[in-house]
N, C-alpha and C. Protein backbone atom coordinates (compact mmCIF):
# COMPACT_ATOMS: atom_id res chain seq x y z
N UNK A 1 86.82 84.02 99.44
CA UNK A 1 87.75 83.11 99.15
C UNK A 1 89.12 83.60 99.10
N UNK A 2 89.72 83.37 99.89
CA UNK A 2 91.85 84.36 99.98
C UNK A 2 91.86 84.01 98.29
N UNK A 3 92.13 85.29 97.75
CA UNK A 3 92.88 85.33 96.42
C UNK A 3 94.45 85.41 96.68
N UNK A 4 95.13 84.23 96.14
CA UNK A 4 96.30 84.47 96.45
C UNK A 4 96.84 85.02 95.12
N UNK A 5 96.10 85.66 94.01
CA UNK A 5 97.23 86.57 93.16
C UNK A 5 97.10 87.92 93.61
N UNK A 6 95.84 88.53 94.48
CA UNK A 6 95.78 89.26 94.72
C UNK A 6 97.06 90.22 95.87
N UNK A 7 96.85 88.62 96.66
CA UNK A 7 98.10 89.39 97.96
C UNK A 7 99.53 88.40 97.71
N UNK A 8 99.69 88.26 96.39
CA UNK A 8 101.28 88.42 95.72
C UNK A 8 101.17 89.50 94.81
N UNK A 9 100.41 89.87 94.49
CA UNK A 9 100.63 91.06 93.22
C UNK A 9 101.31 92.37 94.32
N UNK A 10 99.98 92.41 95.45
CA UNK A 10 100.25 93.51 96.12
C UNK A 10 101.39 93.38 97.00
N UNK A 11 101.84 92.22 97.18
CA UNK A 11 103.18 91.92 98.35
C UNK A 11 104.17 92.48 97.29
N UNK A 12 104.54 91.79 96.36
CA UNK A 12 105.52 92.15 95.59
C UNK A 12 105.60 93.56 95.20
N UNK A 13 104.27 94.37 95.11
CA UNK A 13 104.59 95.68 94.82
C UNK A 13 104.94 96.75 95.81
N UNK A 14 104.61 96.24 96.98
CA UNK A 14 105.16 96.67 98.32
C UNK A 14 106.34 96.59 98.57
N UNK A 15 107.08 94.97 98.72
CA UNK A 15 108.65 94.77 98.41
C UNK A 15 109.14 95.40 97.72
N UNK A 16 108.95 95.95 96.69
CA UNK A 16 109.77 96.70 95.55
C UNK A 16 109.87 97.92 96.04
N UNK A 17 108.43 98.50 96.44
CA UNK A 17 108.68 100.41 96.41
C UNK A 17 109.28 100.35 98.06
N UNK A 18 109.23 99.62 99.12
CA UNK A 18 109.64 99.63 100.19
C UNK A 18 110.76 99.20 100.17
N UNK A 19 111.44 98.38 99.98
CA UNK A 19 112.59 97.93 99.42
C UNK A 19 113.38 97.78 100.94
N UNK A 20 112.70 96.48 101.82
CA UNK A 20 113.64 96.04 103.07
C UNK A 20 114.95 96.11 102.86
N UNK A 21 115.57 95.25 101.88
CA UNK A 21 116.96 95.27 101.94
C UNK A 21 117.84 96.95 101.79
N UNK A 22 117.34 97.95 100.95
CA UNK A 22 117.86 99.02 100.89
C UNK A 22 117.33 99.53 101.97
N UNK A 23 116.32 98.91 102.78
CA UNK A 23 116.08 100.01 103.72
C UNK A 23 116.84 99.77 104.94
N UNK A 24 118.07 98.49 104.89
CA UNK A 24 118.80 98.39 105.99
C UNK A 24 119.86 99.01 106.21
N UNK A 25 120.79 99.87 105.01
CA UNK A 25 121.79 100.90 105.83
C UNK A 25 121.10 102.22 106.10
N UNK A 26 119.78 102.32 105.23
CA UNK A 26 119.31 103.80 106.18
C UNK A 26 118.99 103.49 107.55
N UNK A 27 118.41 102.41 107.89
CA UNK A 27 118.19 102.65 109.40
C UNK A 27 119.41 102.84 110.28
N UNK A 28 120.23 101.68 109.84
CA UNK A 28 122.06 101.44 110.40
C UNK A 28 122.09 102.81 110.45
N UNK A 29 122.37 104.01 109.77
CA UNK A 29 122.50 105.49 109.50
C UNK A 29 121.93 106.09 110.79
N UNK A 30 120.35 106.10 110.85
CA UNK A 30 119.87 106.59 111.52
C UNK A 30 119.87 106.26 112.96
N UNK A 31 119.90 105.00 113.23
CA UNK A 31 120.27 104.84 114.47
C UNK A 31 121.24 104.57 115.06
N UNK A 32 122.24 104.55 114.74
CA UNK A 32 123.55 104.47 114.88
C UNK A 32 123.66 105.20 116.04
N UNK A 33 124.55 105.11 116.97
CA UNK A 33 125.28 105.22 118.39
C UNK A 33 124.28 105.47 119.40
N UNK A 34 122.97 104.92 119.10
CA UNK A 34 122.04 104.45 120.48
C UNK A 34 122.08 103.15 120.96
N UNK A 35 122.23 102.63 122.20
CA UNK A 35 121.77 101.29 122.40
C UNK A 35 121.12 100.45 121.65
N UNK A 36 121.27 99.34 121.87
CA UNK A 36 120.59 98.62 120.88
C UNK A 36 119.07 97.75 121.74
N UNK A 37 118.85 98.20 122.62
CA UNK A 37 117.51 97.92 123.27
C UNK A 37 116.74 99.26 122.49
N UNK A 38 117.31 100.13 122.73
CA UNK A 38 116.34 101.35 121.41
C UNK A 38 116.48 101.34 120.48
N UNK A 39 117.53 100.52 119.87
CA UNK A 39 117.38 100.65 117.84
C UNK A 39 116.33 99.85 117.84
N UNK A 40 116.05 98.43 118.61
CA UNK A 40 115.23 97.19 118.51
C UNK A 40 113.58 98.28 118.95
N UNK A 41 113.56 99.12 119.52
CA UNK A 41 112.71 99.61 119.94
C UNK A 41 112.03 100.48 118.44
N UNK A 42 113.23 100.96 118.32
CA UNK A 42 112.70 102.09 117.21
C UNK A 42 112.32 101.37 115.99
N UNK A 43 112.99 100.52 115.80
CA UNK A 43 112.58 99.26 114.53
C UNK A 43 111.02 98.95 114.36
N UNK A 44 110.56 98.72 115.85
CA UNK A 44 109.29 98.34 115.97
C UNK A 44 108.05 99.58 115.89
N UNK A 45 108.86 100.52 116.16
CA UNK A 45 107.83 101.95 116.02
C UNK A 45 108.03 102.22 114.78
N UNK A 46 108.87 102.18 114.36
CA UNK A 46 108.84 102.64 112.73
C UNK A 46 107.91 101.67 111.79
N UNK A 47 107.93 100.43 111.83
CA UNK A 47 106.75 99.71 111.73
C UNK A 47 105.31 100.12 111.56
N UNK A 48 105.45 100.28 113.07
CA UNK A 48 104.25 100.41 113.79
C UNK A 48 103.42 101.97 112.87
N UNK A 49 104.10 102.95 113.12
CA UNK A 49 103.90 104.33 112.48
C UNK A 49 103.57 104.07 111.01
N UNK A 50 104.49 103.11 110.14
CA UNK A 50 104.38 102.87 108.53
C UNK A 50 103.07 102.41 108.66
N UNK A 51 102.79 101.02 109.54
CA UNK A 51 101.25 100.64 109.04
C UNK A 51 100.54 101.49 109.24
N UNK A 52 100.09 102.33 110.38
CA UNK A 52 99.08 103.23 111.21
C UNK A 52 99.09 104.05 109.60
N UNK A 53 100.31 104.36 109.23
CA UNK A 53 99.96 105.60 107.84
C UNK A 53 99.11 104.68 106.93
N UNK A 54 99.56 103.90 106.54
CA UNK A 54 99.19 102.75 105.18
C UNK A 54 97.56 102.39 105.77
N UNK A 55 97.32 101.92 106.73
CA UNK A 55 96.35 101.41 107.08
C UNK A 55 95.06 102.57 106.86
N UNK A 56 95.35 103.84 107.56
CA UNK A 56 94.25 105.31 107.27
C UNK A 56 94.03 105.24 105.95
N UNK A 57 95.17 105.31 105.10
CA UNK A 57 95.19 105.73 103.46
C UNK A 57 94.23 104.31 103.01
N UNK A 58 94.40 103.49 103.46
CA UNK A 58 93.70 102.12 103.03
C UNK A 58 92.09 102.34 103.31
N UNK A 59 92.36 102.67 104.52
CA UNK A 59 90.33 102.53 104.80
C UNK A 59 89.87 104.04 103.88
N UNK A 60 90.53 105.28 103.84
CA UNK A 60 89.86 106.22 103.32
C UNK A 60 90.68 107.14 103.25
N UNK A 61 91.83 106.92 102.21
CA UNK A 61 92.85 107.73 102.10
C UNK A 61 92.31 108.92 100.30
N UNK A 62 91.86 108.38 99.52
CA UNK A 62 91.06 108.99 98.68
C UNK A 62 90.10 110.01 99.02
N UNK A 63 89.60 109.73 100.07
CA UNK A 63 88.63 111.01 100.69
C UNK A 63 89.58 111.93 101.21
N UNK A 64 90.54 111.50 102.02
CA UNK A 64 91.53 112.60 102.65
C UNK A 64 92.24 113.03 101.47
N UNK A 65 93.03 112.85 100.47
CA UNK A 65 93.26 113.68 99.35
C UNK A 65 92.02 114.70 98.73
N UNK A 66 91.34 113.91 98.57
CA UNK A 66 90.21 114.95 97.74
C UNK A 66 89.56 116.01 99.04
N UNK A 67 89.81 116.02 100.30
CA UNK A 67 89.35 116.93 101.05
C UNK A 67 89.97 117.85 101.05
N UNK A 68 91.34 117.61 101.14
CA UNK A 68 92.70 118.71 101.38
C UNK A 68 92.80 119.23 100.00
N UNK A 69 92.46 118.40 99.01
CA UNK A 69 92.62 119.03 97.34
C UNK A 69 93.97 118.87 97.30
N UNK A 70 94.68 117.44 97.42
CA UNK A 70 96.29 116.93 97.57
C UNK A 70 95.97 116.12 96.41
N UNK A 71 96.93 116.45 95.28
CA UNK A 71 96.82 115.25 94.37
C UNK A 71 98.24 114.31 94.47
N UNK A 72 98.09 112.94 94.04
CA UNK A 72 99.45 112.07 94.21
C UNK A 72 100.52 113.00 93.88
N UNK A 73 100.93 113.44 92.45
CA UNK A 73 101.95 114.04 91.76
C UNK A 73 102.57 114.75 93.02
N UNK A 74 101.72 115.70 93.89
CA UNK A 74 101.74 116.55 94.72
C UNK A 74 102.58 116.00 95.86
N UNK A 75 101.92 114.59 96.71
CA UNK A 75 102.38 114.16 97.51
C UNK A 75 103.57 113.37 97.02
N UNK A 76 103.78 112.99 96.03
CA UNK A 76 105.07 112.23 95.63
C UNK A 76 106.30 113.35 95.51
N UNK A 77 105.85 114.73 95.63
CA UNK A 77 106.71 115.55 95.66
C UNK A 77 107.49 116.06 96.66
N UNK A 78 106.29 116.23 97.71
CA UNK A 78 106.63 116.50 99.14
C UNK A 78 107.62 115.45 99.86
N UNK A 79 107.32 114.48 99.58
CA UNK A 79 107.86 113.30 100.16
C UNK A 79 109.09 113.16 99.60
N UNK A 80 109.43 113.63 98.20
CA UNK A 80 110.64 113.59 97.83
C UNK A 80 111.50 114.47 98.61
N UNK A 81 111.05 115.42 98.60
CA UNK A 81 112.01 117.08 99.29
C UNK A 81 112.15 116.59 100.61
N UNK A 82 110.98 116.09 101.20
CA UNK A 82 111.64 115.84 102.43
C UNK A 82 112.88 114.74 102.82
N UNK A 83 112.43 113.51 101.99
CA UNK A 83 113.69 112.88 102.41
C UNK A 83 115.03 113.16 101.55
N UNK A 84 114.81 114.40 100.79
CA UNK A 84 116.52 114.92 100.29
C UNK A 84 116.78 115.60 101.26
N UNK A 85 116.38 116.24 102.01
CA UNK A 85 116.78 117.11 103.44
C UNK A 85 117.54 115.98 104.17
N UNK A 86 116.88 114.82 104.35
CA UNK A 86 117.30 113.87 105.61
C UNK A 86 118.69 112.89 104.53
N UNK A 87 118.57 113.13 103.48
CA UNK A 87 119.90 112.50 102.78
C UNK A 87 121.04 113.33 102.80
N UNK A 88 120.50 114.87 102.44
CA UNK A 88 122.06 115.62 102.64
C UNK A 88 122.45 115.50 103.70
N UNK A 89 121.58 115.49 105.17
CA UNK A 89 122.32 115.14 106.07
C UNK A 89 123.12 114.37 106.50
N UNK A 90 122.76 113.24 105.95
CA UNK A 90 123.45 111.94 105.76
C UNK A 90 124.61 111.82 105.05
N UNK A 91 124.64 112.68 104.08
CA UNK A 91 125.99 112.98 103.14
C UNK A 91 127.09 113.78 103.40
N UNK A 92 126.20 114.78 104.41
CA UNK A 92 127.38 115.99 104.85
C UNK A 92 128.09 115.69 106.35
N UNK A 93 127.36 114.25 106.97
CA UNK A 93 127.44 114.10 108.08
C UNK A 93 127.56 115.40 109.15
N UNK A 94 126.00 116.10 109.03
CA UNK A 94 126.12 117.22 109.43
C UNK A 94 125.62 117.16 111.21
N UNK A 95 126.40 117.63 111.62
CA UNK A 95 126.74 117.77 113.69
C UNK A 95 126.45 119.15 113.97
N UNK A 96 125.80 120.04 113.59
CA UNK A 96 125.53 121.48 114.10
C UNK A 96 124.41 121.35 114.29
N UNK A 97 123.35 120.12 114.67
CA UNK A 97 121.50 120.53 114.75
C UNK A 97 121.46 121.19 116.11
N UNK A 98 120.89 122.04 116.21
CA UNK A 98 120.00 122.29 117.30
C UNK A 98 119.92 121.41 118.61
N UNK A 99 120.13 121.66 119.46
CA UNK A 99 120.29 120.60 120.59
C UNK A 99 118.77 119.94 120.49
N UNK A 100 117.61 120.95 120.14
CA UNK A 100 116.58 119.94 120.76
C UNK A 100 115.86 119.51 119.82
N UNK A 101 116.94 119.27 118.52
CA UNK A 101 116.20 118.39 117.54
C UNK A 101 117.08 117.26 117.57
N UNK A 102 118.13 116.85 118.40
CA UNK A 102 119.15 115.46 118.46
C UNK A 102 118.45 114.33 118.82
N UNK A 103 117.63 115.04 119.96
CA UNK A 103 117.01 113.30 120.36
C UNK A 103 115.11 113.11 119.23
N UNK A 104 115.13 113.78 118.07
CA UNK A 104 114.01 113.65 117.55
C UNK A 104 114.05 111.95 117.16
N UNK A 105 112.70 111.59 117.55
CA UNK A 105 112.99 109.91 116.95
C UNK A 105 112.81 109.89 115.78
N UNK A 106 113.80 109.14 115.35
CA UNK A 106 113.67 109.16 113.44
C UNK A 106 112.53 107.82 113.22
N UNK A 107 112.50 107.01 113.83
CA UNK A 107 111.28 105.84 113.91
C UNK A 107 110.34 106.56 112.94
N UNK A 108 109.60 107.82 113.66
CA UNK A 108 108.77 108.45 112.99
C UNK A 108 108.51 109.28 111.72
N UNK A 109 109.29 109.88 111.78
CA UNK A 109 110.43 110.57 110.72
C UNK A 109 111.47 110.59 110.78
N UNK A 110 112.24 110.07 109.48
CA UNK A 110 112.05 109.69 108.23
C UNK A 110 111.47 108.13 108.04
N UNK A 111 111.65 107.45 109.10
CA UNK A 111 111.50 106.15 109.09
C UNK A 111 110.36 105.79 109.12
N UNK A 112 109.42 106.00 109.41
CA UNK A 112 108.01 105.79 109.34
C UNK A 112 107.25 105.84 108.22
N UNK A 113 107.53 107.29 108.18
CA UNK A 113 107.04 108.19 107.10
C UNK A 113 108.21 109.31 106.69
N UNK A 114 108.51 110.10 105.73
CA UNK A 114 108.03 108.82 104.00
C UNK A 114 108.76 107.90 103.20
N UNK A 115 109.69 107.18 104.43
CA UNK A 115 110.66 106.19 104.18
C UNK A 115 109.89 104.94 103.75
N UNK A 116 109.38 104.84 104.87
CA UNK A 116 108.40 103.27 104.61
C UNK A 116 107.34 103.18 104.05
N UNK A 117 105.95 104.27 104.92
CA UNK A 117 104.99 104.48 103.87
C UNK A 117 105.16 105.81 103.33
N UNK A 118 105.57 105.72 102.52
CA UNK A 118 105.85 106.77 101.23
C UNK A 118 104.80 106.54 100.23
N UNK A 119 104.46 108.07 99.65
CA UNK A 119 103.53 108.13 98.11
C UNK A 119 103.43 106.77 97.89
N UNK A 120 104.42 106.05 97.10
CA UNK A 120 104.53 104.91 96.42
C UNK A 120 103.66 104.06 96.99
N UNK A 121 103.77 103.21 98.29
CA UNK A 121 103.20 102.61 99.16
C UNK A 121 102.00 103.21 99.27
N UNK A 122 101.83 103.99 99.59
CA UNK A 122 100.10 104.22 99.79
C UNK A 122 99.05 104.02 98.52
N UNK A 123 100.14 105.08 97.91
CA UNK A 123 98.95 105.27 96.35
C UNK A 123 98.53 103.45 95.89
N UNK A 124 99.86 102.33 95.97
CA UNK A 124 99.41 101.15 95.37
C UNK A 124 98.33 100.67 96.33
N UNK A 125 98.03 101.03 97.78
CA UNK A 125 97.37 100.44 98.72
C UNK A 125 95.83 100.97 98.54
N UNK A 126 96.07 102.24 98.50
CA UNK A 126 94.38 103.00 98.02
C UNK A 126 94.00 101.96 96.68
N UNK A 127 94.78 101.90 95.97
CA UNK A 127 94.37 101.22 94.80
C UNK A 127 94.20 99.84 94.67
N UNK A 128 94.66 99.24 95.18
CA UNK A 128 94.32 97.87 95.38
C UNK A 128 93.17 97.97 96.63
N UNK A 129 93.07 98.52 97.44
CA UNK A 129 91.84 98.23 98.60
C UNK A 129 90.62 98.57 97.30
N UNK A 130 90.63 99.32 96.66
CA UNK A 130 89.44 100.23 95.54
C UNK A 130 88.87 98.73 94.51
N UNK A 131 90.01 98.37 94.30
CA UNK A 131 89.78 97.13 93.20
C UNK A 131 89.41 96.04 93.63
N UNK A 132 89.84 95.54 94.81
CA UNK A 132 89.41 94.29 95.51
C UNK A 132 88.10 94.01 95.68
N UNK A 133 87.59 93.03 95.35
CA UNK A 133 86.38 92.48 94.88
C UNK A 133 85.89 91.56 96.86
N UNK A 134 85.18 92.11 97.08
CA UNK A 134 84.53 91.58 98.08
C UNK A 134 85.48 90.83 99.01
N UNK A 135 84.70 90.61 100.57
CA UNK A 135 85.44 89.88 101.41
C UNK A 135 86.68 89.41 101.53
N UNK A 136 86.57 87.98 100.61
CA UNK A 136 88.14 87.44 100.04
C UNK A 136 89.35 88.35 99.61
N UNK A 137 88.83 89.18 98.90
CA UNK A 137 89.73 90.23 97.96
C UNK A 137 90.33 91.28 99.40
N UNK A 138 89.33 91.88 99.60
CA UNK A 138 90.41 92.78 101.04
C UNK A 138 90.75 91.87 102.26
N UNK A 139 90.66 90.80 102.28
CA UNK A 139 91.62 89.89 103.69
C UNK A 139 92.62 89.75 102.90
N UNK A 140 92.43 89.38 101.53
CA UNK A 140 93.96 89.20 100.40
C UNK A 140 94.85 90.42 100.62
N UNK A 141 94.07 91.54 100.30
CA UNK A 141 95.03 93.05 100.31
C UNK A 141 95.37 93.26 101.91
N UNK A 142 94.35 93.07 103.32
CA UNK A 142 95.15 93.57 104.21
C UNK A 142 95.98 92.41 104.74
N UNK A 143 96.18 91.56 104.17
CA UNK A 143 97.02 90.05 104.71
C UNK A 143 98.47 90.49 104.08
N UNK A 144 98.51 90.53 102.87
CA UNK A 144 99.65 91.49 102.12
C UNK A 144 100.60 92.80 102.63
N UNK A 145 99.50 93.37 103.20
CA UNK A 145 99.76 94.32 103.78
C UNK A 145 100.59 94.07 105.49
N UNK A 146 100.27 93.37 105.85
CA UNK A 146 100.47 93.18 107.07
C UNK A 146 101.45 92.08 107.27
N UNK A 147 101.55 91.28 106.13
CA UNK A 147 103.20 90.46 105.70
C UNK A 147 104.26 91.00 105.75
N UNK A 148 104.04 92.14 104.60
CA UNK A 148 105.19 92.69 104.42
C UNK A 148 105.57 93.77 105.51
N UNK A 149 104.20 94.63 106.51
CA UNK A 149 105.29 95.06 107.46
C UNK A 149 105.84 93.95 108.47
N UNK A 150 105.95 92.74 108.81
CA UNK A 150 106.38 91.58 109.66
C UNK A 150 107.99 91.84 108.80
N UNK A 151 108.02 91.61 107.46
CA UNK A 151 109.07 91.72 106.80
C UNK A 151 110.00 92.88 107.25
N UNK A 152 109.50 93.53 106.96
CA UNK A 152 109.97 94.91 107.41
C UNK A 152 110.53 95.15 108.98
N UNK A 153 109.75 94.66 109.45
CA UNK A 153 110.35 94.48 111.11
C UNK A 153 111.47 93.40 111.19
N UNK A 154 111.56 92.39 110.53
CA UNK A 154 112.57 91.47 110.68
C UNK A 154 113.73 91.73 110.40
N UNK A 155 113.65 92.52 109.40
CA UNK A 155 114.88 92.69 108.37
C UNK A 155 115.57 94.17 109.49
N UNK A 156 114.78 95.28 109.60
CA UNK A 156 115.51 96.17 110.58
C UNK A 156 115.83 95.46 111.94
N UNK A 157 114.84 94.85 112.63
CA UNK A 157 115.39 94.13 113.97
C UNK A 157 116.84 93.48 113.84
N UNK A 158 117.18 92.39 112.77
CA UNK A 158 118.10 91.43 112.68
C UNK A 158 119.36 92.92 111.78
N UNK A 159 118.71 93.94 111.29
CA UNK A 159 119.93 94.42 110.88
C UNK A 159 121.31 94.92 111.88
N UNK A 160 120.62 94.65 113.40
CA UNK A 160 121.75 95.58 114.24
C UNK A 160 122.12 94.80 114.33
N UNK A 161 122.69 93.56 114.23
CA UNK A 161 123.73 92.40 114.22
C UNK A 161 124.92 93.06 113.16
N UNK A 162 124.88 93.94 112.22
CA UNK A 162 125.61 94.86 111.51
C UNK A 162 126.59 95.49 111.92
N UNK A 163 125.48 96.48 112.96
CA UNK A 163 126.42 97.28 113.60
C UNK A 163 127.60 96.76 114.38
N UNK A 164 127.47 95.21 115.50
CA UNK A 164 128.33 94.61 115.97
C UNK A 164 129.75 94.57 115.21
N UNK A 165 129.31 94.12 113.96
CA UNK A 165 130.87 93.66 113.13
C UNK A 165 131.21 94.90 112.45
N UNK A 166 130.61 95.95 111.98
CA UNK A 166 131.08 96.83 111.36
C UNK A 166 131.82 98.09 111.75
N UNK A 167 131.54 98.06 112.98
CA UNK A 167 131.81 99.12 113.92
C UNK A 167 131.96 100.54 114.07
N UNK A 168 132.36 101.50 114.68
CA UNK A 168 132.31 102.89 114.25
C UNK A 168 132.64 103.51 113.03
N UNK A 169 133.90 102.64 112.50
CA UNK A 169 133.76 103.22 110.84
C UNK A 169 133.31 102.51 109.78
N UNK A 170 132.53 101.54 109.87
CA UNK A 170 131.68 101.18 108.97
C UNK A 170 130.47 101.90 109.35
N UNK A 171 130.04 102.21 110.11
CA UNK A 171 129.05 102.89 110.51
C UNK A 171 128.91 103.70 109.68
N UNK A 172 130.22 105.10 109.97
CA UNK A 172 130.38 106.01 108.89
C UNK A 172 130.08 105.71 107.73
N UNK A 173 130.95 104.77 106.81
CA UNK A 173 130.62 104.94 105.69
C UNK A 173 129.40 104.54 105.06
N UNK A 174 128.41 103.41 106.26
CA UNK A 174 127.35 103.25 105.48
C UNK A 174 126.13 104.07 105.80
N UNK A 175 126.66 105.28 106.82
CA UNK A 175 125.75 106.64 106.80
C UNK A 175 125.92 107.42 105.32
N UNK A 176 127.12 107.26 104.42
CA UNK A 176 127.26 108.01 103.63
C UNK A 176 126.76 107.05 102.34
N UNK A 177 126.93 106.22 102.74
CA UNK A 177 126.25 105.29 101.32
C UNK A 177 124.81 105.70 101.41
N UNK A 178 124.09 105.23 102.67
CA UNK A 178 122.60 105.66 103.18
C UNK A 178 122.49 106.78 102.70
N UNK A 179 123.07 107.93 102.59
CA UNK A 179 122.79 109.15 101.99
C UNK A 179 122.79 109.31 100.50
N UNK A 180 123.83 108.43 100.04
CA UNK A 180 123.71 108.54 98.13
C UNK A 180 122.46 108.26 97.82
N UNK A 181 121.99 106.63 98.56
CA UNK A 181 120.87 106.17 98.04
C UNK A 181 120.09 107.11 98.49
N UNK A 182 119.39 107.60 99.40
CA UNK A 182 118.52 108.04 99.87
C UNK A 182 118.06 109.27 98.93
N UNK A 183 119.47 110.08 98.56
CA UNK A 183 119.02 111.27 97.86
C UNK A 183 118.78 110.68 96.52
N UNK A 184 119.03 109.60 95.97
CA UNK A 184 118.74 109.09 94.37
C UNK A 184 117.32 108.71 94.62
N UNK A 185 116.79 108.21 95.65
CA UNK A 185 115.40 107.92 95.78
C UNK A 185 114.53 108.80 95.97
N UNK A 186 114.94 109.80 96.59
CA UNK A 186 114.30 111.33 96.65
C UNK A 186 113.87 111.98 95.16
N UNK A 187 115.46 111.86 94.56
CA UNK A 187 115.36 112.67 93.74
C UNK A 187 114.36 112.11 92.23
N UNK A 188 114.60 111.06 92.23
CA UNK A 188 113.50 109.64 91.19
C UNK A 188 111.99 110.22 91.88
N UNK A 189 111.68 109.99 92.77
CA UNK A 189 110.29 110.29 93.56
C UNK A 189 110.05 111.41 92.97
N UNK A 190 110.73 113.08 92.96
CA UNK A 190 110.57 114.09 92.92
C UNK A 190 109.99 114.17 91.10
N UNK A 191 111.11 113.69 90.65
CA UNK A 191 111.13 113.57 89.00
C UNK A 191 109.54 112.73 89.02
N UNK A 192 109.52 111.65 89.26
CA UNK A 192 107.94 111.15 88.98
C UNK A 192 106.95 111.95 89.42
N UNK A 193 106.67 112.46 90.61
CA UNK A 193 105.83 113.10 90.59
C UNK A 193 105.89 114.46 89.71
N UNK A 194 106.74 115.43 89.04
CA UNK A 194 106.54 116.38 88.43
C UNK A 194 106.11 115.36 86.34
N UNK A 195 106.77 114.30 86.62
CA UNK A 195 106.24 114.02 85.00
C UNK A 195 104.60 113.78 85.36
N UNK A 196 103.97 113.00 86.38
CA UNK A 196 103.12 113.11 86.11
C UNK A 196 102.16 114.12 86.10
N UNK A 197 102.54 115.48 86.85
CA UNK A 197 101.81 116.68 86.49
C UNK A 197 102.25 117.14 85.29
N UNK A 198 103.13 117.05 84.58
CA UNK A 198 103.07 117.26 83.22
C UNK A 198 102.25 116.20 82.24
N UNK A 199 102.36 114.86 82.55
CA UNK A 199 101.60 114.29 81.84
C UNK A 199 99.76 114.36 81.97
N UNK A 200 99.49 115.24 83.23
CA UNK A 200 98.18 115.62 83.48
C UNK A 200 97.68 116.88 82.97
N UNK A 201 99.02 117.81 82.50
CA UNK A 201 97.97 119.19 82.14
C UNK A 201 97.68 119.46 80.86
């Protein structure tokens, strides 16, 4: 039987962690200046990458971490450091990037991972899959994961309307705001990882 309690619990957990409303300004900042068609494609790619990463870790995440001898806190700290680098670029409006990195697909990194499929979401899915009882429980877990990614795609897909309204000046403002938000998320993720290391010592 489909377990609505499991579905609702995981969906709400992923909603809080992945934060669709909060991802909107970051998505707009990272994809600004690109044609609308490309932005829509990047929204789809980001969701596909995030789902692929979440699915892999949901199926065999614990085995992967054990094999690599990587702890969850280490994963959190590494993800936080990567996000912090991106956030600093957004805050400072860095324009002196090497030519070969200008066309890097931000839908893959940092949008797909670690922004959407970050350590928090990965750990939540690993635990939910392990705790799910029987076929009905597994269906409930994976339904919640799919539903969350549909919500993420809809939010990013239709956030493009905002760009047409705020224009270039607004995009710069959104970029700085996104950098500030992203830096706070990154620092908090690093702090959480360090605290878990200290508590586990």
